[in-house]
Amino acid sequence: MAQTFEIVAEPVRRRILDLLREREHTVGELVERLGISQPGVSKHLKVLRQAGLVSVRHDAQRRWYELRVDPLAEIDEWLSPFRAYLGRTNGEE
């Protein structure tokens, strides 16, 4: 879980995950949406792929990247008691 936290702590990677939450994207689409270089996007995608947060599908010359939520489930489970605490501190019970 610590590795996943470190990976998603990086703002560009979080933005990539946000975009992939909408739908799968090619590297070119992500470059356009993020406004950073193709090598920069590819570097972040490699880290996300190695952590199991994204998968890649080859379609002829294109590579489509898709969000994989399994690694995020552990973080979600860990955050669960904090949500209850936040509800109490915000007057929600």
PDB file of N, CA and C in Angstrom:
ATOM      1  N   MET A   1       0.827  -1.199   0.000  1.00  0.00           N
ATOM      2  CA  MET A   1       0.000   0.000   0.000  1.00  0.00           C
ATOM      3  C   MET A   1       0.867   1.257   0.000  1.00  0.00           C
ATOM      4  N   ALA A   2       1.986   1.233   0.720  1.00  0.00           N
ATOM      5  CA  ALA A   2       2.856   2.408   0.779  1.00  0.00           C
ATOM      6  C   ALA A   2       3.339   2.799  -0.612  1.00  0.00           C
ATOM      7  N   GLN A   3       3.683   1.809  -1.425  1.00  0.00           N
ATOM      8  CA  GLN A   3       4.143   2.099  -2.782  1.00  0.00           C
ATOM      9  C   GLN A   3       3.026   2.767  -3.590  1.00  0.00           C
ATOM     10  N   THR A   4       1.799   2.289  -3.436  1.00  0.00           N
ATOM     11  CA  THR A   4       0.680   2.878  -4.165  1.00  0.00           C
ATOM     12  C   THR A   4       0.474   4.326  -3.741  1.00  0.00           C
ATOM     13  N   PHE A   5       0.571   4.604  -2.428  1.00  0.00           N
ATOM     14  CA  PHE A   5       0.468   5.985  -1.948  1.00  0.00           C
ATOM     15  C   PHE A   5       1.537   6.862  -2.583  1.00  0.00           C
ATOM     16  N   GLU A   6       2.770   6.372  -2.619  1.00  0.00           N
ATOM     17  CA  GLU A   6       3.868   7.138  -3.212  1.00  0.00           C
ATOM     18  C   GLU A   6       3.592   7.432  -4.680  1.00  0.00           C
ATOM     19  N   ILE A   7       3.077   6.452  -5.378  1.00  0.00           N
ATOM     20  CA  ILE A   7       2.827   6.607  -6.810  1.00  0.00           C
ATOM     21  C   ILE A   7       1.711   7.612  -7.065  1.00  0.00           C
ATOM     22  N   VAL A   8       0.628   7.524  -6.320  1.00  0.00           N
ATOM     23  CA  VAL A   8      -0.491   8.441  -6.559  1.00  0.00           C
ATOM     24  C   VAL A   8      -0.280   9.803  -5.905  1.00  0.00           C
ATOM     25  N   ALA A   9       0.799   9.964  -5.130  1.00  0.00           N
ATOM     26  CA  ALA A   9       1.110  11.270  -4.547  1.00  0.00           C
ATOM     27  C   ALA A   9       1.551  12.263  -5.620  1.00  0.00           C
ATOM     28  N   GLU A  10       2.036  11.760  -6.737  1.00  0.00           N
ATOM     29  CA  GLU A  10       2.522  12.615  -7.817  1.00  0.00           C
ATOM     30  C   GLU A  10       1.325  13.191  -8.574  1.00  0.00           C
ATOM     31  N   PRO A  11       1.209  14.528  -8.662  1.00  0.00           N
ATOM     32  CA  PRO A  11       0.030  15.169  -9.265  1.00  0.00           C
ATOM     33  C   PRO A  11      -0.273  14.749 -10.709  1.00  0.00           C
ATOM     34  N   VAL A  12       0.743  14.589 -11.546  1.00  0.00           N
ATOM     35  CA  VAL A  12       0.492  14.207 -12.939  1.00  0.00           C
ATOM     36  C   VAL A  12      -0.103  12.798 -12.992  1.00  0.00           C
ATOM     37  N   ARG A  13       0.409  11.915 -12.156  1.00  0.00           N
ATOM     38  CA  ARG A  13      -0.135  10.548 -12.135  1.00  0.00           C
ATOM     39  C   ARG A  13      -1.584  10.542 -11.664  1.00  0.00           C
ATOM     40  N   ARG A  14      -1.908  11.368 -10.678  1.00  0.00           N
ATOM     41  CA  ARG A  14      -3.311  11.454 -10.235  1.00  0.00           C
ATOM     42  C   ARG A  14      -4.189  11.971 -11.362  1.00  0.00           C
ATOM     43  N   ARG A  15      -3.703  12.929 -12.113  1.00  0.00           N
ATOM     44  CA  ARG A  15      -4.475  13.480 -13.235  1.00  0.00           C
ATOM     45  C   ARG A  15      -4.682  12.407 -14.311  1.00  0.00           C
ATOM     46  N   ILE A  16      -3.645  11.603 -14.571  1.00  0.00           N
ATOM     47  CA  ILE A  16      -3.786  10.514 -15.533  1.00  0.00           C
ATOM     48  C   ILE A  16      -4.858   9.542 -15.052  1.00  0.00           C
ATOM     49  N   LEU A  17      -4.817   9.182 -13.779  1.00  0.00           N
ATOM     50  CA  LEU A  17      -5.828   8.268 -13.231  1.00  0.00           C
ATOM     51  C   LEU A  17      -7.228   8.877 -13.349  1.00  0.00           C
ATOM     52  N   ASP A  18      -7.340  10.192 -13.101  1.00  0.00           N
ATOM     53  CA  ASP A  18      -8.638  10.859 -13.262  1.00  0.00           C
ATOM     54  C   ASP A  18      -9.144  10.740 -14.691  1.00  0.00           C
ATOM     55  N   LEU A  19      -8.261  10.968 -15.651  1.00  0.00           N
ATOM     56  CA  LEU A  19      -8.662  10.877 -17.058  1.00  0.00           C
ATOM     57  C   LEU A  19      -9.047   9.450 -17.431  1.00  0.00           C
ATOM     58  N   LEU A  20      -8.291   8.487 -16.931  1.00  0.00           N
ATOM     59  CA  LEU A  20      -8.586   7.086 -17.252  1.00  0.00           C
ATOM     60  C   LEU A  20      -9.848   6.603 -16.546  1.00  0.00           C
ATOM     61  N   ARG A  21     -10.236   7.281 -15.499  1.00  0.00           N
ATOM     62  CA  ARG A  21     -11.493   6.941 -14.828  1.00  0.00           C
ATOM     63  C   ARG A  21     -12.684   7.209 -15.761  1.00  0.00           C
ATOM     64  N   GLU A  22     -12.542   8.217 -16.603  1.00  0.00           N
ATOM     65  CA  GLU A  22     -13.604   8.561 -17.561  1.00  0.00           C
ATOM     66  C   GLU A  22     -13.735   7.490 -18.651  1.00  0.00           C
ATOM     67  N   ARG A  23     -12.563   7.097 -19.205  1.00  0.00           N
ATOM     68  CA  ARG A  23     -12.523   6.102 -20.283  1.00  0.00           C
ATOM     69  C   ARG A  23     -11.063   5.807 -20.587  1.00  0.00           C
ATOM     70  N   GLU A  24     -10.828   4.775 -21.411  1.00  0.00           N
ATOM     71  CA  GLU A  24      -9.450   4.480 -21.798  1.00  0.00           C
ATOM     72  C   GLU A  24      -8.959   5.549 -22.776  1.00  0.00           C
ATOM     73  N   HIS A  25      -7.638   5.772 -22.778  1.00  0.00           N
ATOM     74  CA  HIS A  25      -7.027   6.800 -23.626  1.00  0.00           C
ATOM     75  C   HIS A  25      -5.751   6.256 -24.249  1.00  0.00           C
ATOM     76  N   THR A  26      -5.392   6.846 -25.379  1.00  0.00           N
ATOM     77  CA  THR A  26      -4.082   6.593 -25.967  1.00  0.00           C
ATOM     78  C   THR A  26      -3.091   7.574 -25.344  1.00  0.00           C
ATOM     79  N   VAL A  27      -1.805   7.312 -25.549  1.00  0.00           N
ATOM     80  CA  VAL A  27      -0.787   8.237 -25.056  1.00  0.00           C
ATOM     81  C   VAL A  27      -0.992   9.617 -25.672  1.00  0.00           C
ATOM     82  N   GLY A  28      -1.270   9.648 -26.966  1.00  0.00           N
ATOM     83  CA  GLY A  28      -1.478  10.933 -27.642  1.00  0.00           C
ATOM     84  C   GLY A  28      -2.615  11.740 -27.038  1.00  0.00           C
ATOM     85  N   GLU A  29      -3.695  11.074 -26.702  1.00  0.00           N
ATOM     86  CA  GLU A  29      -4.826  11.768 -26.070  1.00  0.00           C
ATOM     87  C   GLU A  29      -4.427  12.309 -24.704  1.00  0.00           C
ATOM     88  N   LEU A  30      -3.662  11.521 -23.969  1.00  0.00           N
ATOM     89  CA  LEU A  30      -3.226  11.979 -22.641  1.00  0.00           C
ATOM     90  C   LEU A  30      -2.271  13.159 -22.760  1.00  0.00           C
ATOM     91  N   VAL A  31      -1.369  13.117 -23.746  1.00  0.00           N
ATOM     92  CA  VAL A  31      -0.459  14.237 -23.988  1.00  0.00           C
ATOM     93  C   VAL A  31      -1.260  15.508 -24.240  1.00  0.00           C
ATOM     94  N   GLU A  32      -2.258  15.394 -25.091  1.00  0.00           N
ATOM     95  CA  GLU A  32      -3.097  16.546 -25.434  1.00  0.00           C
ATOM     96  C   GLU A  32      -3.839  17.081 -24.209  1.00  0.00           C
ATOM     97  N   ARG A  33      -4.429  16.200 -23.435  1.00  0.00           N
ATOM     98  CA  ARG A  33      -5.216  16.611 -22.269  1.00  0.00           C
ATOM     99  C   ARG A  33      -4.350  17.166 -21.138  1.00  0.00           C
ATOM    100  N   LEU A  34      -3.145  16.608 -20.977  1.00  0.00           N
ATOM    101  CA  LEU A  34      -2.286  17.025 -19.872  1.00  0.00           C
ATOM    102  C   LEU A  34      -1.387  18.201 -20.221  1.00  0.00           C
ATOM    103  N   GLY A  35      -1.110  18.371 -21.512  1.00  0.00           N
ATOM    104  CA  GLY A  35      -0.240  19.464 -21.927  1.00  0.00           C
ATOM    105  C   GLY A  35       1.225  19.247 -21.561  1.00  0.00           C
ATOM    106  N   ILE A  36       1.648  17.984 -21.464  1.00  0.00           N
ATOM    107  CA  ILE A  36       3.059  17.688 -21.226  1.00  0.00           C
ATOM    108  C   ILE A  36       3.562  16.789 -22.356  1.00  0.00           C
ATOM    109  N   SER A  37       4.869  16.615 -22.409  1.00  0.00           N
ATOM    110  CA  SER A  37       5.476  15.884 -23.526  1.00  0.00           C
ATOM    111  C   SER A  37       5.088  14.406 -23.529  1.00  0.00           C
ATOM    112  N   GLN A  38       5.210  13.799 -24.715  1.00  0.00           N
ATOM    113  CA  GLN A  38       4.939  12.375 -24.851  1.00  0.00           C
ATOM    114  C   GLN A  38       5.889  11.552 -23.987  1.00  0.00           C
ATOM    115  N   PRO A  39       7.203  11.869 -23.965  1.00  0.00           N
ATOM    116  CA  PRO A  39       8.079  11.098 -23.086  1.00  0.00           C
ATOM    117  C   PRO A  39       7.695  11.232 -21.606  1.00  0.00           C
ATOM    118  N   GLY A  40       7.228  12.414 -21.211  1.00  0.00           N
ATOM    119  CA  GLY A  40       6.795  12.625 -19.831  1.00  0.00           C
ATOM    120  C   GLY A  40       5.587  11.776 -19.481  1.00  0.00           C
ATOM    121  N   VAL A  41       4.595  11.767 -20.366  1.00  0.00           N
ATOM    122  CA  VAL A  41       3.397  10.952 -20.146  1.00  0.00           C
ATOM    123  C   VAL A  41       3.768   9.476 -20.126  1.00  0.00           C
ATOM    124  N   SER A  42       4.606   9.061 -21.054  1.00  0.00           N
ATOM    125  CA  SER A  42       5.016   7.656 -21.124  1.00  0.00           C
ATOM    126  C   SER A  42       5.740   7.219 -19.852  1.00  0.00           C
ATOM    127  N   LYS A  43       6.567   8.101 -19.300  1.00  0.00           N
ATOM    128  CA  LYS A  43       7.282   7.795 -18.061  1.00  0.00           C
ATOM    129  C   LYS A  43       6.289   7.534 -16.922  1.00  0.00           C
ATOM    130  N   HIS A  44       5.291   8.399 -16.804  1.00  0.00           N
ATOM    131  CA  HIS A  44       4.291   8.231 -15.750  1.00  0.00           C
ATOM    132  C   HIS A  44       3.442   6.986 -15.976  1.00  0.00           C
ATOM    133  N   LEU A  45       3.090   6.722 -17.220  1.00  0.00           N
ATOM    134  CA  LEU A  45       2.309   5.519 -17.523  1.00  0.00           C
ATOM    135  C   LEU A  45       3.094   4.252 -17.183  1.00  0.00           C
ATOM    136  N   LYS A  46       4.389   4.274 -17.404  1.00  0.00           N
ATOM    137  CA  LYS A  46       5.219   3.110 -17.076  1.00  0.00           C
ATOM    138  C   LYS A  46       5.162   2.835 -15.574  1.00  0.00           C
ATOM    139  N   VAL A  47       5.280   3.871 -14.775  1.00  0.00           N
ATOM    140  CA  VAL A  47       5.222   3.714 -13.317  1.00  0.00           C
ATOM    141  C   VAL A  47       3.844   3.189 -12.907  1.00  0.00           C
ATOM    142  N   LEU A  48       2.797   3.770 -13.473  1.00  0.00           N
ATOM    143  CA  LEU A  48       1.432   3.332 -13.148  1.00  0.00           C
ATOM    144  C   LEU A  48       1.197   1.890 -13.587  1.00  0.00           C
ATOM    145  N   ARG A  49       1.728   1.531 -14.728  1.00  0.00           N
ATOM    146  CA  ARG A  49       1.574   0.159 -15.237  1.00  0.00           C
ATOM    147  C   ARG A  49       2.313  -0.832 -14.349  1.00  0.00           C
ATOM    148  N   GLN A  50       3.533  -0.505 -13.950  1.00  0.00           N
ATOM    149  CA  GLN A  50       4.321  -1.388 -13.083  1.00  0.00           C
ATOM    150  C   GLN A  50       3.647  -1.591 -11.724  1.00  0.00           C
ATOM    151  N   ALA A  51       2.914  -0.585 -11.268  1.00  0.00           N
ATOM    152  CA  ALA A  51       2.206  -0.688  -9.987  1.00  0.00           C
ATOM    153  C   ALA A  51       0.861  -1.391 -10.138  1.00  0.00           C
ATOM    154  N   GLY A  52       0.478  -1.705 -11.372  1.00  0.00           N
ATOM    155  CA  GLY A  52      -0.792  -2.380 -11.615  1.00  0.00           C
ATOM    156  C   GLY A  52      -1.990  -1.455 -11.625  1.00  0.00           C
ATOM    157  N   LEU A  53      -1.748  -0.151 -11.669  1.00  0.00           N
ATOM    158  CA  LEU A  53      -2.845   0.825 -11.656  1.00  0.00           C
ATOM    159  C   LEU A  53      -3.442   1.066 -13.029  1.00  0.00           C
ATOM    160  N   VAL A  54      -2.699   0.748 -14.078  1.00  0.00           N
ATOM    161  CA  VAL A  54      -3.225   0.845 -15.437  1.00  0.00           C
ATOM    162  C   VAL A  54      -2.834  -0.410 -16.208  1.00  0.00           C
ATOM    163  N   SER A  55      -3.626  -0.718 -17.195  1.00  0.00           N
ATOM    164  CA  SER A  55      -3.296  -1.801 -18.116  1.00  0.00           C
ATOM    165  C   SER A  55      -3.222  -1.211 -19.512  1.00  0.00           C
ATOM    166  N   VAL A  56      -2.562  -1.917 -20.396  1.00  0.00           N
ATOM    167  CA  VAL A  56      -2.407  -1.441 -21.772  1.00  0.00           C
ATOM    168  C   VAL A  56      -2.944  -2.499 -22.716  1.00  0.00           C
ATOM    169  N   ARG A  57      -3.635  -2.012 -23.741  1.00  0.00           N
ATOM    170  CA  ARG A  57      -4.189  -2.878 -24.778  1.00  0.00           C
ATOM    171  C   ARG A  57      -3.658  -2.392 -26.113  1.00  0.00           C
ATOM    172  N   HIS A  58      -3.096  -3.314 -26.872  1.00  0.00           N
ATOM    173  CA  HIS A  58      -2.546  -2.960 -28.187  1.00  0.00           C
ATOM    174  C   HIS A  58      -3.628  -3.127 -29.247  1.00  0.00           C
ATOM    175  N   ASP A  59      -3.750  -2.112 -30.098  1.00  0.00           N
ATOM    176  CA  ASP A  59      -4.703  -2.130 -31.198  1.00  0.00           C
ATOM    177  C   ASP A  59      -3.979  -1.570 -32.418  1.00  0.00           C
ATOM    178  N   ALA A  60      -3.443  -2.469 -33.228  1.00  0.00           N
ATOM    179  CA  ALA A  60      -2.619  -2.083 -34.389  1.00  0.00           C
ATOM    180  C   ALA A  60      -1.447  -1.242 -33.899  1.00  0.00           C
ATOM    181  N   GLN A  61      -1.386   0.021 -34.315  1.00  0.00           N
ATOM    182  CA  GLN A  61      -0.280   0.907 -33.945  1.00  0.00           C
ATOM    183  C   GLN A  61      -0.520   1.637 -32.626  1.00  0.00           C
ATOM    184  N   ARG A  62      -1.716   1.554 -32.102  1.00  0.00           N
ATOM    185  CA  ARG A  62      -2.060   2.320 -30.895  1.00  0.00           C
ATOM    186  C   ARG A  62      -2.012   1.453 -29.648  1.00  0.00           C
ATOM    187  N   ARG A  63      -1.702   2.130 -28.549  1.00  0.00           N
ATOM    188  CA  ARG A  63      -1.776   1.501 -27.233  1.00  0.00           C
ATOM    189  C   ARG A  63      -2.828   2.252 -26.424  1.00  0.00           C
ATOM    190  N   TRP A  64      -3.796   1.510 -25.940  1.00  0.00           N
ATOM    191  CA  TRP A  64      -4.871   2.084 -25.147  1.00  0.00           C
ATOM    192  C   TRP A  64      -4.618   1.776 -23.676  1.00  0.00           C
ATOM    193  N   TYR A  65      -4.667   2.810 -22.846  1.00  0.00           N
ATOM    194  CA  TYR A  65      -4.437   2.653 -21.415  1.00  0.00           C
ATOM    195  C   TYR A  65      -5.765   2.741 -20.677  1.00  0.00           C
ATOM    196  N   GLU A  66      -5.916   1.838 -19.709  1.00  0.00           N
ATOM    197  CA  GLU A  66      -7.171   1.725 -18.960  1.00  0.00           C
ATOM    198  C   GLU A  66      -6.861   1.646 -17.471  1.00  0.00           C
ATOM    199  N   LEU A  67      -7.713   2.238 -16.665  1.00  0.00           N
ATOM    200  CA  LEU A  67      -7.577   2.215 -15.213  1.00  0.00           C
ATOM    201  C   LEU A  67      -7.849   0.817 -14.670  1.00  0.00           C
ATOM    202  N   ARG A  68      -7.052   0.402 -13.712  1.00  0.00           N
ATOM    203  CA  ARG A  68      -7.273  -0.842 -12.955  1.00  0.00           C
ATOM    204  C   ARG A  68      -7.436  -0.429 -11.501  1.00  0.00           C
ATOM    205  N   VAL A  69      -8.560  -0.733 -10.922  1.00  0.00           N
ATOM    206  CA  VAL A  69      -8.854  -0.228  -9.578  1.00  0.00           C
ATOM    207  C   VAL A  69      -8.420  -1.159  -8.450  1.00  0.00           C
ATOM    208  N   ASP A  70      -8.039  -2.385  -8.762  1.00  0.00           N
ATOM    209  CA  ASP A  70      -7.675  -3.333  -7.703  1.00  0.00           C
ATOM    210  C   ASP A  70      -6.652  -2.770  -6.708  1.00  0.00           C
ATOM    211  N   PRO A  71      -5.555  -2.166  -7.156  1.00  0.00           N
ATOM    212  CA  PRO A  71      -4.587  -1.640  -6.187  1.00  0.00           C
ATOM    213  C   PRO A  71      -5.158  -0.511  -5.321  1.00  0.00           C
ATOM    214  N   LEU A  72      -6.160   0.182  -5.837  1.00  0.00           N
ATOM    215  CA  LEU A  72      -6.762   1.276  -5.069  1.00  0.00           C
ATOM    216  C   LEU A  72      -7.708   0.763  -3.985  1.00  0.00           C
ATOM    217  N   ALA A  73      -8.158  -0.468  -4.103  1.00  0.00           N
ATOM    218  CA  ALA A  73      -9.086  -1.037  -3.119  1.00  0.00           C
ATOM    219  C   ALA A  73      -8.447  -1.097  -1.738  1.00  0.00           C
ATOM    220  N   GLU A  74      -7.171  -1.409  -1.676  1.00  0.00           N
ATOM    221  CA  GLU A  74      -6.476  -1.475  -0.390  1.00  0.00           C
ATOM    222  C   GLU A  74      -6.433  -0.098   0.276  1.00  0.00           C
ATOM    223  N   ILE A  75      -6.187   0.938  -0.509  1.00  0.00           N
ATOM    224  CA  ILE A  75      -6.198   2.300   0.031  1.00  0.00           C
ATOM    225  C   ILE A  75      -7.600   2.663   0.492  1.00  0.00           C
ATOM    226  N   ASP A  76      -8.589   2.310  -0.304  1.00  0.00           N
ATOM    227  CA  ASP A  76      -9.978   2.592   0.048  1.00  0.00           C
ATOM    228  C   ASP A  76     -10.351   1.931   1.378  1.00  0.00           C
ATOM    229  N   GLU A  77      -9.937   0.692   1.540  1.00  0.00           N
ATOM    230  CA  GLU A  77     -10.218  -0.030   2.781  1.00  0.00           C
ATOM    231  C   GLU A  77      -9.535   0.645   3.971  1.00  0.00           C
ATOM    232  N   TRP A  78      -8.304   1.066   3.784  1.00  0.00           N
ATOM    233  CA  TRP A  78      -7.567   1.731   4.853  1.00  0.00           C
ATOM    234  C   TRP A  78      -8.212   3.067   5.229  1.00  0.00           C
ATOM    235  N   LEU A  79      -8.746   3.775   4.238  1.00  0.00           N
ATOM    236  CA  LEU A  79      -9.374   5.082   4.479  1.00  0.00           C
ATOM    237  C   LEU A  79     -10.758   4.985   5.119  1.00  0.00           C
ATOM    238  N   SER A  80     -11.365   3.839   5.050  1.00  0.00           N
ATOM    239  CA  SER A  80     -12.743   3.670   5.528  1.00  0.00           C
ATOM    240  C   SER A  80     -12.977   4.205   6.938  1.00  0.00           C
ATOM    241  N   PRO A  81     -12.185   3.855   7.946  1.00  0.00           N
ATOM    242  CA  PRO A  81     -12.440   4.382   9.282  1.00  0.00           C
ATOM    243  C   PRO A  81     -12.260   5.890   9.376  1.00  0.00           C
ATOM    244  N   PHE A  82     -11.416   6.452   8.515  1.00  0.00           N
ATOM    245  CA  PHE A  82     -11.231   7.893   8.516  1.00  0.00           C
ATOM    246  C   PHE A  82     -12.472   8.607   7.988  1.00  0.00           C
ATOM    247  N   ARG A  83     -13.178   7.976   7.050  1.00  0.00           N
ATOM    248  CA  ARG A  83     -14.423   8.563   6.548  1.00  0.00           C
ATOM    249  C   ARG A  83     -15.446   8.681   7.676  1.00  0.00           C
ATOM    250  N   ALA A  84     -15.527   7.641   8.493  1.00  0.00           N
ATOM    251  CA  ALA A  84     -16.445   7.681   9.639  1.00  0.00           C
ATOM    252  C   ALA A  84     -16.036   8.789  10.596  1.00  0.00           C
ATOM    253  N   TYR A  85     -14.745   8.924  10.840  1.00  0.00           N
ATOM    254  CA  TYR A  85     -14.243   9.978  11.714  1.00  0.00           C
ATOM    255  C   TYR A  85     -14.553  11.354  11.134  1.00  0.00           C
ATOM    256  N   LEU A  86     -14.325  11.532   9.845  1.00  0.00           N
ATOM    257  CA  LEU A  86     -14.609  12.822   9.207  1.00  0.00           C
ATOM    258  C   LEU A  86     -16.096  13.159   9.296  1.00  0.00           C
ATOM    259  N   GLY A  87     -16.939  12.141   9.153  1.00  0.00           N
ATOM    260  CA  GLY A  87     -18.371  12.369   9.296  1.00  0.00           C
ATOM    261  C   GLY A  87     -18.733  12.889  10.668  1.00  0.00           C
ATOM    262  N   ARG A  88     -18.087  12.340  11.704  1.00  0.00           N
ATOM    263  CA  ARG A  88     -18.364  12.794  13.077  1.00  0.00           C
ATOM    264  C   ARG A  88     -17.847  14.218  13.296  1.00  0.00           C
ATOM    265  N   THR A  89     -16.675  14.538  12.757  1.00  0.00           N
ATOM    266  CA  THR A  89     -16.108  15.864  12.979  1.00  0.00           C
ATOM    267  C   THR A  89     -16.829  16.923  12.169  1.00  0.00           C
ATOM    268  N   ASN A  90     -17.539  16.529  11.131  1.00  0.00           N
ATOM    269  CA  ASN A  90     -18.311  17.477  10.311  1.00  0.00           C
ATOM    270  C   ASN A  90     -19.764  17.546  10.729  1.00  0.00           C
ATOM    271  N   GLY A  91     -20.089  16.931  11.855  1.00  0.00           N
ATOM    272  CA  GLY A  91     -21.458  16.972  12.358  1.00  0.00           C
ATOM    273  C   GLY A  91     -22.389  15.971  11.706  1.00  0.00           C
ATOM    274  N   GLU A  92     -21.865  15.044  10.926  1.00  0.00           N
ATOM    275  CA  GLU A  92     -22.682  14.023  10.291  1.00  0.00           C
ATOM    276  C   GLU A  92     -22.601  12.748  11.120  1.00  0.00           C
ATOM    277  N   GLU A  93     -23.681  12.257  11.589  1.00  0.00           N
ATOM    278  CA  GLU A  93     -23.652  10.981  12.316  1.00  0.00           C
ATOM    279  C   GLU A  93     -24.822  10.138  11.957  1.00  0.00           C
TER     280      GLU A  93
END
